[in-house]
Amino acid sequence: MQFLRRILRQTFKALQLIFICLVMRAPACFAIVDVQDNYYSHFDADTVSVFSFDFKGSSGNDENKSVSVANHTIHRGEKSTVLAIASYAQGDSNGVDTSDNGSIHLRYVRPLREPHGFELFAQYGQNRFVKLDRRIVAGGGYRFEWKQGTPSERGVIGLGVMREYERYVGLAEEQKLWRGNLYVSWATPLTSNSSVSLTAYAQPAFRDFSDVRVISTLILKAKLTERLGVRFSAEYTRDSDPEAGLENSNFNYTSGLTYSFSRN
C-alpha cells in the first residue's frame, strides 16, 4: 500500500503541473518531444521544469509565421521518477495553415537492481495535417541501461508493449490494436557544454508484423548559461501502413531556446 500511495502521489504532482500548463495556455499543451533525452536532463535537481520556445516569421514576398512551445517537467523521488511532457506547434504560410499538432505524455520509471528497471506510460496526441483526430497510447515495459545515464551521456535499451487507439478524420470507427515498443537511446558529450543524442523506436503491430512504425530523433544541444540553452532536433518517422492519401514517411526539424527552472 505504501508503494501504491507513493506512485499515486508522484503521478498527482505530474498531473498538477500539466493542469497549470493548461490553465496558462491551453493550446500549448498538446506534440511530442524525445522522451529519453528529457528524462536524463538536470540530474542534480529533484524537480525541474524546462521550457522550449521557437518563433519564426517573415513578411513581403513570402509571408509566414510559426510558433512551437514545449515543456517537460520531472519529479525524482527516492526510488522512482515521474516525467510529464507537453508541446504544441502551429504555423501558416501566406494565410494557409501549415502545421497544427501537439501531445501530452506521462511516464513513470522505477529502477530495479542496476542496470535494470521498468516503466509505465500514457500519451495523447493529435495532428490535423495527417488527419489524426486523436491518438491515445498506454503501455509499459523493461529498460536496460548498458551505460549509466547522465544529462550528456547514456546508453539505454527498452522492450515493452502498448495499447493504441487512433481516430482519423473521415473514419467512423477507432482503430484499436496492440503494438510492441522497442527502442534504443544513445548520447555522448561533444564539449563540456554540448552533447549529441540519438533515439530510435520500432513499434510493430502484433496482428501483422509487417505493420511497423519507426521513429528516429537526433538532438544537438548546448548550454549558454546555467538556465539558458540552445537545441536543434531532427526527426524522421515512417509508417509502413499509412492511412489513404498520406505519405509513409516524414522528416521535420526544429531549433530554438530552452529555459529551465529547478528545485533541489
C-alpha atoms as a PDB file:
ATOM      1  CA  MET A   1       0.000   0.000   0.000  1.00  0.00           C
ATOM      2  CA  GLN A   2       2.811   2.399   0.796  1.00  0.00           C
ATOM      3  CA  PHE A   3       4.334   1.735  -2.639  1.00  0.00           C
ATOM      4  CA  LEU A   4       0.951   2.383  -4.317  1.00  0.00           C
ATOM      5  CA  ARG A   5       0.433   5.616  -2.369  1.00  0.00           C
ATOM      6  CA  ARG A   6       3.891   6.814  -3.455  1.00  0.00           C
ATOM      7  CA  ILE A   7       3.082   6.171  -7.127  1.00  0.00           C
ATOM      8  CA  LEU A   8      -0.272   7.957  -6.856  1.00  0.00           C
ATOM      9  CA  ARG A   9       1.268  10.916  -5.040  1.00  0.00           C
ATOM     10  CA  GLN A  10       4.002  11.380  -7.666  1.00  0.00           C
ATOM     11  CA  THR A  11       1.535  10.936 -10.535  1.00  0.00           C
ATOM     12  CA  PHE A  12      -0.757  13.522  -8.962  1.00  0.00           C
ATOM     13  CA  LYS A  13       2.135  16.002  -8.840  1.00  0.00           C
ATOM     14  CA  ALA A  14       2.759  15.498 -12.552  1.00  0.00           C
ATOM     15  CA  LEU A  15      -0.937  15.959 -13.339  1.00  0.00           C
ATOM     16  CA  GLN A  16      -0.943  19.169 -11.292  1.00  0.00           C
ATOM     17  CA  LEU A  17       1.905  20.511 -13.391  1.00  0.00           C
ATOM     18  CA  ILE A  18       0.077  19.679 -16.623  1.00  0.00           C
ATOM     19  CA  PHE A  19      -3.084  21.324 -15.277  1.00  0.00           C
ATOM     20  CA  ILE A  20      -1.133  24.512 -14.528  1.00  0.00           C
ATOM     21  CA  CYS A  21       0.192  24.475 -18.096  1.00  0.00           C
ATOM     22  CA  LEU A  22      -3.333  24.029 -19.474  1.00  0.00           C
ATOM     23  CA  VAL A  23      -4.635  26.949 -17.433  1.00  0.00           C
ATOM     24  CA  MET A  24      -1.793  29.229 -18.523  1.00  0.00           C
ATOM     25  CA  ARG A  25      -2.073  28.406 -22.220  1.00  0.00           C
ATOM     26  CA  ALA A  26      -4.451  25.699 -23.308  1.00  0.00           C
ATOM     27  CA  PRO A  27      -3.232  25.229 -26.927  1.00  0.00           C
ATOM     28  CA  ALA A  28       0.396  24.946 -25.829  1.00  0.00           C
ATOM     29  CA  CYS A  29      -0.074  21.652 -24.082  1.00  0.00           C
ATOM     30  CA  PHE A  30      -0.682  19.296 -26.760  1.00  0.00           C
ATOM     31  CA  ALA A  31       3.118  17.333 -29.865  1.00  0.00           C
ATOM     32  CA  ILE A  32       5.831  15.092 -28.673  1.00  0.00           C
ATOM     33  CA  VAL A  33       9.488  15.662 -27.897  1.00  0.00           C
ATOM     34  CA  ASP A  34      12.120  12.994 -27.284  1.00  0.00           C
ATOM     35  CA  VAL A  35      11.222  11.171 -24.056  1.00  0.00           C
ATOM     36  CA  GLN A  36      14.648   9.732 -23.280  1.00  0.00           C
ATOM     37  CA  ASP A  37      16.513  12.994 -23.828  1.00  0.00           C
ATOM     38  CA  ASN A  38      14.142  14.781 -21.454  1.00  0.00           C
ATOM     39  CA  TYR A  39      14.285  12.017 -18.847  1.00  0.00           C
ATOM     40  CA  TYR A  40      18.045  12.448 -18.381  1.00  0.00           C
ATOM     41  CA  SER A  41      18.101  16.246 -18.179  1.00  0.00           C
ATOM     42  CA  HIS A  42      19.156  18.056 -14.961  1.00  0.00           C
ATOM     43  CA  PHE A  43      20.070  15.015 -12.857  1.00  0.00           C
ATOM     44  CA  ASP A  44      21.187  17.292  -9.993  1.00  0.00           C
ATOM     45  CA  ALA A  45      17.615  18.516  -9.264  1.00  0.00           C
ATOM     46  CA  ASP A  46      14.716  16.740  -7.533  1.00  0.00           C
ATOM     47  CA  THR A  47      12.177  18.730  -9.560  1.00  0.00           C
ATOM     48  CA  VAL A  48      12.909  20.552 -12.805  1.00  0.00           C
ATOM     49  CA  SER A  49      10.740  22.219 -15.455  1.00  0.00           C
ATOM     50  CA  VAL A  50      12.248  23.075 -18.848  1.00  0.00           C
ATOM     51  CA  PHE A  51      10.529  25.272 -21.449  1.00  0.00           C
ATOM     52  CA  SER A  52      11.488  25.377 -25.134  1.00  0.00           C
ATOM     53  CA  PHE A  53      10.416  28.204 -27.455  1.00  0.00           C
ATOM     54  CA  ASP A  54      10.758  28.569 -31.218  1.00  0.00           C
ATOM     55  CA  PHE A  55       9.331  31.563 -33.090  1.00  0.00           C
ATOM     56  CA  LYS A  56       9.802  32.253 -36.796  1.00  0.00           C
ATOM     57  CA  GLY A  57       8.290  34.687 -39.284  1.00  0.00           C
ATOM     58  CA  SER A  58       8.759  36.738 -42.451  1.00  0.00           C
ATOM     59  CA  SER A  59       6.835  39.326 -44.487  1.00  0.00           C
ATOM     60  CA  GLY A  60       6.917  40.640 -48.050  1.00  0.00           C
ATOM     61  CA  ASN A  61       7.014  38.167 -50.932  1.00  0.00           C
ATOM     62  CA  ASP A  62       6.739  35.228 -48.537  1.00  0.00           C
ATOM     63  CA  GLU A  63       4.585  35.866 -45.505  1.00  0.00           C
ATOM     64  CA  ASN A  64       4.807  33.112 -42.928  1.00  0.00           C
ATOM     65  CA  LYS A  65       4.931  32.617 -39.211  1.00  0.00           C
ATOM     66  CA  SER A  66       5.269  29.669 -36.894  1.00  0.00           C
ATOM     67  CA  VAL A  67       5.456  29.050 -33.179  1.00  0.00           C
ATOM     68  CA  SER A  68       6.247  25.978 -31.124  1.00  0.00           C
ATOM     69  CA  VAL A  69       6.214  25.720 -27.339  1.00  0.00           C
ATOM     70  CA  ALA A  70       7.253  22.682 -25.321  1.00  0.00           C
ATOM     71  CA  ASN A  71       7.656  21.834 -21.660  1.00  0.00           C
ATOM     72  CA  HIS A  72       8.978  18.833 -19.816  1.00  0.00           C
ATOM     73  CA  THR A  73       8.735  18.547 -16.056  1.00  0.00           C
ATOM     74  CA  ILE A  74      10.463  15.892 -13.962  1.00  0.00           C
ATOM     75  CA  HIS A  75       9.997  14.896 -10.336  1.00  0.00           C
ATOM     76  CA  ARG A  76      12.596  12.499  -8.944  1.00  0.00           C
ATOM     77  CA  GLY A  77      11.745  10.615  -5.756  1.00  0.00           C
ATOM     78  CA  GLU A  78      13.931   8.309  -3.728  1.00  0.00           C
ATOM     79  CA  LYS A  79      13.005   5.225  -5.762  1.00  0.00           C
ATOM     80  CA  SER A  80      11.220   6.447  -8.888  1.00  0.00           C
ATOM     81  CA  THR A  81      10.860   9.260 -11.428  1.00  0.00           C
ATOM     82  CA  VAL A  82       7.740  10.850 -12.930  1.00  0.00           C
ATOM     83  CA  LEU A  83       8.065  12.690 -16.251  1.00  0.00           C
ATOM     84  CA  ALA A  84       5.445  14.906 -17.937  1.00  0.00           C
ATOM     85  CA  ILE A  85       5.929  16.275 -21.459  1.00  0.00           C
ATOM     86  CA  ALA A  86       3.654  18.680 -23.343  1.00  0.00           C
ATOM     87  CA  SER A  87       4.168  20.572 -26.608  1.00  0.00           C
ATOM     88  CA  TYR A  88       2.299  22.380 -29.358  1.00  0.00           C
ATOM     89  CA  ALA A  89       3.267  23.655 -32.838  1.00  0.00           C
ATOM     90  CA  GLN A  90       1.296  25.923 -35.166  1.00  0.00           C
ATOM     91  CA  GLY A  91       2.270  27.687 -38.378  1.00  0.00           C
ATOM     92  CA  ASP A  92       0.949  29.247 -41.568  1.00  0.00           C
ATOM     93  CA  SER A  93       2.334  30.452 -44.900  1.00  0.00           C
ATOM     94  CA  ASN A  94       0.600  33.169 -46.944  1.00  0.00           C
ATOM     95  CA  GLY A  95      -2.521  32.721 -44.844  1.00  0.00           C
ATOM     96  CA  VAL A  96      -2.668  28.930 -45.245  1.00  0.00           C
ATOM     97  CA  ASP A  97      -2.141  26.739 -42.176  1.00  0.00           C
ATOM     98  CA  THR A  98       0.941  24.538 -42.477  1.00  0.00           C
ATOM     99  CA  SER A  99       1.104  22.873 -39.052  1.00  0.00           C
ATOM    100  CA  ASP A 100      -1.171  22.192 -36.115  1.00  0.00           C
ATOM    101  CA  ASN A 101      -0.138  19.346 -33.832  1.00  0.00           C
ATOM    102  CA  GLY A 102       0.584  18.536 -30.228  1.00  0.00           C
ATOM    103  CA  SER A 103       0.626  15.898 -27.482  1.00  0.00           C
ATOM    104  CA  ILE A 104       0.853  15.169 -23.768  1.00  0.00           C
ATOM    105  CA  HIS A 105       2.992  12.320 -22.419  1.00  0.00           C
ATOM    106  CA  LEU A 106       3.222  10.906 -18.868  1.00  0.00           C
ATOM    107  CA  ARG A 107       5.860   8.375 -17.824  1.00  0.00           C
ATOM    108  CA  TYR A 108       6.652   6.593 -14.559  1.00  0.00           C
ATOM    109  CA  VAL A 109      10.115   4.974 -14.267  1.00  0.00           C
ATOM    110  CA  ARG A 110      11.242   2.775 -11.374  1.00  0.00           C
ATOM    111  CA  PRO A 111      14.813   1.435 -11.330  1.00  0.00           C
ATOM    112  CA  LEU A 112      15.292  -2.118 -10.085  1.00  0.00           C
ATOM    113  CA  ARG A 113      18.681  -3.621  -9.353  1.00  0.00           C
ATOM    114  CA  GLU A 114      21.120  -1.744 -11.613  1.00  0.00           C
ATOM    115  CA  PRO A 115      21.153  -1.665 -14.591  1.00  0.00           C
ATOM    116  CA  HIS A 116      17.534  -2.915 -14.802  1.00  0.00           C
ATOM    117  CA  GLY A 117      14.242  -1.038 -14.463  1.00  0.00           C
ATOM    118  CA  PHE A 118      10.627  -0.844 -15.602  1.00  0.00           C
ATOM    119  CA  GLU A 119       8.377   1.950 -16.858  1.00  0.00           C
ATOM    120  CA  LEU A 120       4.699   2.798 -17.411  1.00  0.00           C
ATOM    121  CA  PHE A 121       3.499   5.464 -19.834  1.00  0.00           C
ATOM    122  CA  ALA A 122       0.414   7.105 -21.338  1.00  0.00           C
ATOM    123  CA  GLN A 123       0.144   9.571 -24.218  1.00  0.00           C
ATOM    124  CA  TYR A 124      -2.462  11.679 -26.016  1.00  0.00           C
ATOM    125  CA  GLY A 125      -1.773  13.338 -29.379  1.00  0.00           C
ATOM    126  CA  GLN A 126      -3.381  14.979 -32.406  1.00  0.00           C
ATOM    127  CA  ASN A 127      -2.108  16.162 -35.793  1.00  0.00           C
ATOM    128  CA  ARG A 128      -4.567  17.881 -38.115  1.00  0.00           C
ATOM    129  CA  PHE A 129      -2.271  17.701 -41.153  1.00  0.00           C
ATOM    130  CA  VAL A 130      -2.101  13.913 -41.190  1.00  0.00           C
ATOM    131  CA  LYS A 131      -5.863  13.751 -40.473  1.00  0.00           C
ATOM    132  CA  LEU A 132      -5.207  12.379 -36.974  1.00  0.00           C
ATOM    133  CA  ASP A 133      -8.116  13.448 -34.787  1.00  0.00           C
ATOM    134  CA  ARG A 134      -6.632  11.775 -31.714  1.00  0.00           C
ATOM    135  CA  ARG A 135      -4.203   9.049 -30.696  1.00  0.00           C
ATOM    136  CA  ILE A 136      -4.196   7.532 -27.222  1.00  0.00           C
ATOM    137  CA  VAL A 137      -1.470   5.121 -26.116  1.00  0.00           C
ATOM    138  CA  ALA A 138      -0.891   3.315 -22.814  1.00  0.00           C
ATOM    139  CA  GLY A 139       1.734   0.699 -22.030  1.00  0.00           C
ATOM    140  CA  GLY A 140       4.791  -0.382 -20.107  1.00  0.00           C
ATOM    141  CA  GLY A 141       7.987  -2.355 -20.353  1.00  0.00           C
ATOM    142  CA  TYR A 142      11.509  -3.220 -19.284  1.00  0.00           C
ATOM    143  CA  ARG A 143      14.565  -0.944 -19.641  1.00  0.00           C
ATOM    144  CA  PHE A 144      18.261  -1.790 -19.501  1.00  0.00           C
ATOM    145  CA  GLU A 145      20.979   0.867 -19.122  1.00  0.00           C
ATOM    146  CA  TRP A 146      24.198  -0.524 -20.539  1.00  0.00           C
ATOM    147  CA  LYS A 147      25.804   2.873 -19.894  1.00  0.00           C
ATOM    148  CA  GLN A 148      24.993   4.895 -16.781  1.00  0.00           C
ATOM    149  CA  GLY A 149      22.706   7.767 -17.745  1.00  0.00           C
ATOM    150  CA  THR A 150      23.669  11.424 -17.254  1.00  0.00           C
ATOM    151  CA  PRO A 151      22.413  14.631 -18.916  1.00  0.00           C
ATOM    152  CA  SER A 152      25.046  14.283 -21.677  1.00  0.00           C
ATOM    153  CA  GLU A 153      25.866  10.570 -21.833  1.00  0.00           C
ATOM    154  CA  ARG A 154      23.788   7.376 -21.798  1.00  0.00           C
ATOM    155  CA  GLY A 155      23.072   4.013 -23.377  1.00  0.00           C
ATOM    156  CA  VAL A 156      19.588   2.521 -22.911  1.00  0.00           C
ATOM    157  CA  ILE A 157      17.563  -0.298 -24.470  1.00  0.00           C
ATOM    158  CA  GLY A 158      13.816  -0.676 -23.909  1.00  0.00           C
ATOM    159  CA  LEU A 159      11.394  -3.527 -24.635  1.00  0.00           C
ATOM    160  CA  GLY A 160       7.668  -3.322 -23.952  1.00  0.00           C
ATOM    161  CA  VAL A 161       4.083  -3.458 -25.162  1.00  0.00           C
ATOM    162  CA  MET A 162       1.386  -0.823 -25.619  1.00  0.00           C
ATOM    163  CA  ARG A 163      -2.293  -0.499 -26.460  1.00  0.00           C
ATOM    164  CA  GLU A 164      -3.053   2.011 -29.213  1.00  0.00           C
ATOM    165  CA  TYR A 165      -6.318   3.831 -30.010  1.00  0.00           C
ATOM    166  CA  GLU A 166      -6.494   6.052 -33.098  1.00  0.00           C
ATOM    167  CA  ARG A 167      -9.259   8.022 -34.761  1.00  0.00           C
ATOM    168  CA  TYR A 168      -8.732   9.645 -38.158  1.00  0.00           C
ATOM    169  CA  VAL A 169     -10.873  12.344 -39.731  1.00  0.00           C
ATOM    170  CA  GLY A 170     -13.405  10.729 -42.070  1.00  0.00           C
ATOM    171  CA  LEU A 171     -13.302   7.291 -40.424  1.00  0.00           C
ATOM    172  CA  ALA A 172     -16.308   6.250 -38.366  1.00  0.00           C
ATOM    173  CA  GLU A 173     -14.502   3.841 -36.032  1.00  0.00           C
ATOM    174  CA  GLU A 174     -11.395   3.985 -33.880  1.00  0.00           C
ATOM    175  CA  GLN A 175      -8.523   1.690 -34.749  1.00  0.00           C
ATOM    176  CA  LYS A 176      -7.531  -0.395 -31.737  1.00  0.00           C
ATOM    177  CA  LEU A 177      -4.541  -2.713 -31.631  1.00  0.00           C
ATOM    178  CA  TRP A 178      -1.585  -3.940 -29.586  1.00  0.00           C
ATOM    179  CA  ARG A 179       1.932  -2.939 -30.568  1.00  0.00           C
ATOM    180  CA  GLY A 180       5.386  -3.820 -29.394  1.00  0.00           C
ATOM    181  CA  ASN A 181       7.601  -0.938 -28.275  1.00  0.00           C
ATOM    182  CA  LEU A 182      11.343  -1.357 -28.824  1.00  0.00           C
ATOM    183  CA  TYR A 183      13.842   1.477 -28.525  1.00  0.00           C
ATOM    184  CA  VAL A 184      17.496   2.310 -28.176  1.00  0.00           C
ATOM    185  CA  SER A 185      18.803   5.646 -26.917  1.00  0.00           C
ATOM    186  CA  TRP A 186      22.427   6.807 -27.016  1.00  0.00           C
ATOM    187  CA  ALA A 187      24.096  10.108 -26.097  1.00  0.00           C
ATOM    188  CA  THR A 188      27.655  11.383 -25.807  1.00  0.00           C
ATOM    189  CA  PRO A 189      29.212  14.770 -24.924  1.00  0.00           C
ATOM    190  CA  LEU A 190      30.817  16.880 -27.647  1.00  0.00           C
ATOM    191  CA  THR A 191      32.328  19.523 -25.354  1.00  0.00           C
ATOM    192  CA  SER A 192      31.918  20.385 -21.681  1.00  0.00           C
ATOM    193  CA  ASN A 193      28.733  22.325 -22.525  1.00  0.00           C
ATOM    194  CA  SER A 194      27.284  20.447 -25.517  1.00  0.00           C
ATOM    195  CA  SER A 195      26.139  16.945 -26.431  1.00  0.00           C
ATOM    196  CA  VAL A 196      24.512  14.879 -29.180  1.00  0.00           C
ATOM    197  CA  SER A 197      21.891  12.146 -28.777  1.00  0.00           C
ATOM    198  CA  LEU A 198      20.088   9.646 -30.989  1.00  0.00           C
ATOM    199  CA  THR A 199      16.926   7.746 -30.065  1.00  0.00           C
ATOM    200  CA  ALA A 200      15.172   5.237 -32.331  1.00  0.00           C
ATOM    201  CA  TYR A 201      11.847   3.436 -31.797  1.00  0.00           C
ATOM    202  CA  ALA A 202      10.277   0.489 -33.648  1.00  0.00           C
ATOM    203  CA  GLN A 203       6.616  -0.301 -32.960  1.00  0.00           C
ATOM    204  CA  PRO A 204       5.319  -3.411 -34.810  1.00  0.00           C
ATOM    205  CA  ALA A 205       1.638  -4.402 -34.624  1.00  0.00           C
ATOM    206  CA  PHE A 206       1.080  -7.832 -33.076  1.00  0.00           C
ATOM    207  CA  ARG A 207      -1.723  -8.766 -35.503  1.00  0.00           C
ATOM    208  CA  ASP A 208       0.502  -8.021 -38.528  1.00  0.00           C
ATOM    209  CA  PHE A 209       4.270  -7.671 -38.021  1.00  0.00           C
ATOM    210  CA  SER A 210       4.622  -6.005 -41.429  1.00  0.00           C
ATOM    211  CA  ASP A 211       2.707  -3.044 -39.927  1.00  0.00           C
ATOM    212  CA  VAL A 212       5.644  -1.213 -38.318  1.00  0.00           C
ATOM    213  CA  ARG A 213       6.114   2.371 -37.221  1.00  0.00           C
ATOM    214  CA  VAL A 214       9.630   3.759 -36.896  1.00  0.00           C
ATOM    215  CA  ILE A 215      10.660   6.977 -35.170  1.00  0.00           C
ATOM    216  CA  SER A 216      14.224   8.323 -35.055  1.00  0.00           C
ATOM    217  CA  THR A 217      15.282  11.572 -33.350  1.00  0.00           C
ATOM    218  CA  LEU A 218      18.673  13.308 -33.433  1.00  0.00           C
ATOM    219  CA  ILE A 219      19.273  16.134 -30.924  1.00  0.00           C
ATOM    220  CA  LEU A 220      22.139  18.609 -30.572  1.00  0.00           C
ATOM    221  CA  LYS A 221      22.082  20.882 -27.534  1.00  0.00           C
ATOM    222  CA  ALA A 222      24.381  23.315 -25.762  1.00  0.00           C
ATOM    223  CA  LYS A 223      24.232  25.308 -22.536  1.00  0.00           C
ATOM    224  CA  LEU A 224      24.684  29.069 -22.779  1.00  0.00           C
ATOM    225  CA  THR A 225      24.173  29.768 -19.057  1.00  0.00           C
ATOM    226  CA  GLU A 226      23.039  27.765 -16.032  1.00  0.00           C
ATOM    227  CA  ARG A 227      19.388  28.108 -17.134  1.00  0.00           C
ATOM    228  CA  LEU A 228      19.526  29.093 -20.808  1.00  0.00           C
ATOM    229  CA  GLY A 229      20.451  26.773 -23.678  1.00  0.00           C
ATOM    230  CA  VAL A 230      20.012  26.150 -27.403  1.00  0.00           C
ATOM    231  CA  ARG A 231      18.648  22.988 -29.009  1.00  0.00           C
ATOM    232  CA  PHE A 232      18.391  21.548 -32.534  1.00  0.00           C
ATOM    233  CA  SER A 233      16.420  18.388 -33.268  1.00  0.00           C
ATOM    234  CA  ALA A 234      15.689  16.409 -36.429  1.00  0.00           C
ATOM    235  CA  GLU A 235      13.037  13.685 -36.520  1.00  0.00           C
ATOM    236  CA  TYR A 236      12.302  11.009 -39.112  1.00  0.00           C
ATOM    237  CA  THR A 237       9.115   8.928 -38.945  1.00  0.00           C
ATOM    238  CA  ARG A 238       7.925   6.070 -41.138  1.00  0.00           C
ATOM    239  CA  ASP A 239       4.623   4.193 -41.158  1.00  0.00           C
ATOM    240  CA  SER A 240       4.583   1.042 -43.290  1.00  0.00           C
ATOM    241  CA  ASP A 241       0.766   1.132 -43.436  1.00  0.00           C
ATOM    242  CA  PRO A 242      -0.354   4.797 -43.553  1.00  0.00           C
ATOM    243  CA  GLU A 243      -3.913   5.980 -43.964  1.00  0.00           C
ATOM    244  CA  ALA A 244      -5.107   6.518 -47.539  1.00  0.00           C
ATOM    245  CA  GLY A 245      -3.714   9.702 -49.073  1.00  0.00           C
ATOM    246  CA  LEU A 246      -0.851  10.059 -46.589  1.00  0.00           C
ATOM    247  CA  GLU A 247       2.879   9.631 -47.219  1.00  0.00           C
ATOM    248  CA  ASN A 248       4.555   6.712 -45.444  1.00  0.00           C
ATOM    249  CA  SER A 249       7.499   8.815 -44.221  1.00  0.00           C
ATOM    250  CA  ASN A 250       8.067  12.291 -42.861  1.00  0.00           C
ATOM    251  CA  PHE A 251      11.042  14.440 -41.824  1.00  0.00           C
ATOM    252  CA  ASN A 252      10.971  17.579 -39.697  1.00  0.00           C
ATOM    253  CA  TYR A 253      13.402  19.664 -37.680  1.00  0.00           C
ATOM    254  CA  THR A 254      13.209  22.384 -35.038  1.00  0.00           C
ATOM    255  CA  SER A 255      15.628  24.757 -33.366  1.00  0.00           C
ATOM    256  CA  GLY A 256      15.240  27.224 -30.566  1.00  0.00           C
ATOM    257  CA  LEU A 257      15.986  28.260 -26.986  1.00  0.00           C
ATOM    258  CA  THR A 258      15.364  26.373 -23.742  1.00  0.00           C
ATOM    259  CA  TYR A 259      14.901  27.817 -20.262  1.00  0.00           C
ATOM    260  CA  SER A 260      14.868  25.688 -17.113  1.00  0.00           C
ATOM    261  CA  PHE A 261      13.578  26.045 -13.556  1.00  0.00           C
ATOM    262  CA  SER A 262      14.841  23.612 -10.917  1.00  0.00           C
ATOM    263  CA  ARG A 263      14.391  22.850  -7.212  1.00  0.00           C
ATOM    264  CA  ASN A 264      16.611  20.601  -5.091  1.00  0.00           C
END
